[in-house]
Amino acid sequence: MNSNEKVRKDILHKWLQNPSISYKQLVKQVGTSYYTTRRAVFRFKNSQTIKNKWRIGRPKVPSNKKLEKKVVSIIKKNKSMSIGDIARKAGTLHVMVVKIKKRNSIRKFKK
């Protein structure tokens, strides 16, 4: 168990003794920040665990599927539009447009 899990365990031990306690009172008792306390309780309520979620590196897929659909539709309407123009029209970064194009196998030229 690492130090973060020990802190979360202390927070949850105090919180489980008195679930109606406010976060500010819990912060004073445990000696952590408000957001650390709130996050630990929220994590426990959602997943019933104090451990971190296991994953390797950053997520590869964007969490915004609506943006991906918007970028793909812009590209399909005007295939000659530059990546920068697509990004401005979609309200995102050009790097994200490149990743979306690669993920959807969209190319400007025929091979």
Foldseek 3Di string as FASTA:
>chain_A
DDPLLVLLVQLVVVCVVPVVDDLVVSCVVSVDDSVSSVVSVVCCVVPVDNDDDDDPDDDLDDPDVVLLVQLVVVCVVPVVDDLCVSCVVSVHDSVVSVSSCVVVVHDSDDD
